[in-house]
């Protein structure tokens, strides 16, 4: 029987939401093994001078505990 743990992380990017997701996953895989999936639970953006300065995503990442 597998045990799955879920953590919540925040990813950011100056370019896009897609890149923010990829950045969060890339950083998480450096310390977490056996990732099985992710779910985007929130989308936000920081605005400066009328332009989007930073894209932000909140993710739940699931992984199997060894």
N, C-alpha and C. Protein backbone atom coordinates (compact mmCIF):
# COMPACT_ATOMS: atom_id res chain seq x y z
N UNK A 1 0.84 -1.18 0.00
CA UNK A 1 0.00 0.00 0.00
C UNK A 1 0.89 1.25 0.00
N UNK A 2 0.62 2.18 -0.89
CA UNK A 2 1.40 3.41 -0.99
C UNK A 2 0.78 4.50 -0.11
N UNK A 3 1.65 5.29 0.47
CA UNK A 3 1.23 6.46 1.22
C UNK A 3 1.61 7.69 0.40
N UNK A 4 0.63 8.55 0.16
CA UNK A 4 0.86 9.76 -0.63
C UNK A 4 0.77 10.97 0.29
N UNK A 5 1.75 11.85 0.15
CA UNK A 5 1.76 13.10 0.92
C UNK A 5 1.53 14.25 -0.05
N UNK A 6 0.86 15.30 0.42
CA UNK A 6 0.60 16.48 -0.40
C UNK A 6 1.19 17.70 0.29
N UNK A 7 1.96 18.47 -0.48
CA UNK A 7 2.52 19.72 0.03
C UNK A 7 2.00 20.87 -0.83
N UNK A 8 2.04 22.06 -0.26
CA UNK A 8 1.62 23.24 -1.00
C UNK A 8 2.83 24.12 -1.26
N UNK A 9 2.99 24.55 -2.51
CA UNK A 9 4.12 25.40 -2.89
C UNK A 9 3.64 26.59 -3.72
N UNK A 10 4.48 27.60 -3.81
CA UNK A 10 4.19 28.80 -4.60
C UNK A 10 5.26 28.91 -5.67
N UNK A 11 4.83 29.07 -6.92
CA UNK A 11 5.76 29.28 -8.03
C UNK A 11 5.58 30.67 -8.59
N UNK A 12 6.68 31.25 -9.07
CA UNK A 12 6.63 32.60 -9.63
C UNK A 12 7.39 32.65 -10.96
N UNK A 13 7.02 33.66 -11.76
CA UNK A 13 7.70 33.91 -13.03
C UNK A 13 7.40 35.33 -13.47
N UNK A 14 8.37 35.97 -14.11
CA UNK A 14 8.10 37.29 -14.68
C UNK A 14 7.41 37.22 -16.04
N UNK A 15 7.29 35.98 -16.60
CA UNK A 15 6.81 35.83 -17.98
C UNK A 15 5.41 35.26 -18.15
N UNK A 16 5.03 34.21 -17.37
CA UNK A 16 3.73 33.58 -17.60
C UNK A 16 3.34 32.67 -16.44
N UNK A 17 2.04 32.34 -16.38
CA UNK A 17 1.57 31.37 -15.39
C UNK A 17 2.17 29.99 -15.68
N UNK A 18 2.24 29.63 -16.95
CA UNK A 18 2.81 28.34 -17.33
C UNK A 18 4.24 28.20 -16.82
N UNK A 19 5.02 29.21 -17.01
CA UNK A 19 6.42 29.19 -16.55
C UNK A 19 6.48 29.14 -15.02
N UNK A 20 5.57 29.81 -14.34
CA UNK A 20 5.53 29.78 -12.88
C UNK A 20 5.28 28.36 -12.38
N UNK A 21 4.39 27.63 -13.06
CA UNK A 21 4.12 26.23 -12.70
C UNK A 21 5.38 25.40 -12.91
N UNK A 22 6.01 25.57 -14.06
CA UNK A 22 7.22 24.80 -14.36
C UNK A 22 8.35 25.12 -13.39
N UNK A 23 8.49 26.39 -13.00
CA UNK A 23 9.51 26.77 -12.04
C UNK A 23 9.27 26.12 -10.68
N UNK A 24 8.02 26.10 -10.25
CA UNK A 24 7.69 25.49 -8.96
C UNK A 24 7.98 24.00 -8.98
N UNK A 25 7.60 23.34 -10.05
CA UNK A 25 7.83 21.90 -10.16
C UNK A 25 9.32 21.60 -10.23
N UNK A 26 10.07 22.36 -11.01
CA UNK A 26 11.51 22.14 -11.14
C UNK A 26 12.22 22.31 -9.80
N UNK A 27 11.82 23.32 -9.06
CA UNK A 27 12.45 23.56 -7.76
C UNK A 27 12.08 22.46 -6.76
N UNK A 28 10.83 22.03 -6.79
CA UNK A 28 10.37 21.00 -5.85
C UNK A 28 11.06 19.67 -6.13
N UNK A 29 11.28 19.34 -7.40
CA UNK A 29 11.91 18.05 -7.72
C UNK A 29 13.36 17.97 -7.26
N UNK A 30 13.96 19.08 -6.88
CA UNK A 30 15.33 19.06 -6.35
C UNK A 30 15.39 18.41 -4.97
N UNK A 31 14.29 18.48 -4.22
CA UNK A 31 14.30 17.95 -2.85
C UNK A 31 13.22 16.90 -2.59
N UNK A 32 12.25 16.78 -3.47
CA UNK A 32 11.16 15.82 -3.28
C UNK A 32 11.19 14.80 -4.41
N UNK A 33 11.19 13.52 -4.05
CA UNK A 33 11.22 12.44 -5.05
C UNK A 33 9.83 11.82 -5.17
N UNK A 34 9.62 11.07 -6.22
CA UNK A 34 8.38 10.31 -6.44
C UNK A 34 7.14 11.19 -6.59
N UNK A 35 7.27 12.35 -7.23
CA UNK A 35 6.12 13.22 -7.46
C UNK A 35 5.19 12.54 -8.46
N UNK A 36 3.91 12.50 -8.12
CA UNK A 36 2.94 11.81 -8.97
C UNK A 36 1.95 12.75 -9.64
N UNK A 37 1.82 13.98 -9.15
CA UNK A 37 0.88 14.91 -9.77
C UNK A 37 0.87 16.25 -9.06
N UNK A 38 0.19 17.19 -9.70
CA UNK A 38 0.03 18.51 -9.08
C UNK A 38 -1.33 19.07 -9.44
N UNK A 39 -1.78 20.01 -8.62
CA UNK A 39 -3.05 20.69 -8.84
C UNK A 39 -2.85 22.18 -8.59
N UNK A 40 -3.25 22.98 -9.56
CA UNK A 40 -3.19 24.43 -9.39
C UNK A 40 -4.40 24.84 -8.56
N UNK A 41 -4.14 25.48 -7.42
CA UNK A 41 -5.25 25.88 -6.55
C UNK A 41 -5.46 27.39 -6.51
N UNK A 42 -4.53 28.13 -7.13
CA UNK A 42 -4.70 29.57 -7.15
C UNK A 42 -3.80 30.24 -8.17
N UNK A 43 -4.30 31.32 -8.75
CA UNK A 43 -3.58 32.12 -9.74
C UNK A 43 -3.59 33.56 -9.27
N UNK A 44 -2.43 34.22 -9.24
CA UNK A 44 -2.35 35.62 -8.84
C UNK A 44 -1.29 36.30 -9.70
N UNK A 45 -1.36 37.61 -9.74
CA UNK A 45 -0.32 38.37 -10.44
C UNK A 45 -0.07 39.67 -9.69
N UNK A 46 1.18 40.05 -9.66
CA UNK A 46 1.57 41.33 -9.07
C UNK A 46 1.62 42.36 -10.19
N UNK A 47 1.00 43.50 -9.97
CA UNK A 47 0.94 44.54 -10.99
C UNK A 47 1.74 45.75 -10.53
N UNK A 48 2.58 46.26 -11.43
CA UNK A 48 3.34 47.48 -11.18
C UNK A 48 3.22 48.37 -12.40
N UNK A 49 2.85 49.61 -12.18
CA UNK A 49 2.72 50.61 -13.24
C UNK A 49 1.80 50.14 -14.37
N UNK A 50 0.72 49.46 -13.99
CA UNK A 50 -0.28 49.03 -14.96
C UNK A 50 0.10 47.79 -15.77
N UNK A 51 1.21 47.15 -15.43
CA UNK A 51 1.66 45.96 -16.15
C UNK A 51 1.88 44.80 -15.17
N UNK A 52 1.71 43.59 -15.65
CA UNK A 52 1.99 42.44 -14.79
C UNK A 52 3.50 42.32 -14.61
N UNK A 53 3.91 42.37 -13.34
CA UNK A 53 5.33 42.30 -13.01
C UNK A 53 5.75 40.88 -12.65
N UNK A 54 4.81 40.11 -12.07
CA UNK A 54 5.14 38.75 -11.67
C UNK A 54 3.88 37.89 -11.63
N UNK A 55 3.97 36.73 -12.24
CA UNK A 55 2.89 35.75 -12.22
C UNK A 55 3.14 34.80 -11.06
N UNK A 56 2.07 34.44 -10.33
CA UNK A 56 2.21 33.57 -9.17
C UNK A 56 1.15 32.47 -9.22
N UNK A 57 1.56 31.25 -8.88
CA UNK A 57 0.61 30.14 -8.81
C UNK A 57 0.81 29.39 -7.50
N UNK A 58 -0.30 29.00 -6.90
CA UNK A 58 -0.27 28.14 -5.72
C UNK A 58 -0.56 26.72 -6.20
N UNK A 59 0.28 25.78 -5.82
CA UNK A 59 0.13 24.39 -6.25
C UNK A 59 0.07 23.45 -5.06
N UNK A 60 -0.66 22.36 -5.23
CA UNK A 60 -0.57 21.22 -4.34
C UNK A 60 0.16 20.15 -5.12
N UNK A 61 1.23 19.62 -4.55
CA UNK A 61 2.03 18.60 -5.21
C UNK A 61 1.95 17.31 -4.40
N UNK A 62 1.61 16.21 -5.09
CA UNK A 62 1.48 14.91 -4.44
C UNK A 62 2.70 14.06 -4.75
N UNK A 63 3.16 13.32 -3.74
CA UNK A 63 4.28 12.41 -3.95
C UNK A 63 4.14 11.19 -3.03
N UNK A 64 4.73 10.09 -3.49
CA UNK A 64 4.66 8.84 -2.72
C UNK A 64 5.76 8.86 -1.67
N UNK A 65 5.39 8.54 -0.44
CA UNK A 65 6.33 8.46 0.67
C UNK A 65 6.96 7.07 0.67
N UNK A 66 8.27 7.03 0.71
CA UNK A 66 8.96 5.72 0.72
C UNK A 66 9.04 5.14 2.11
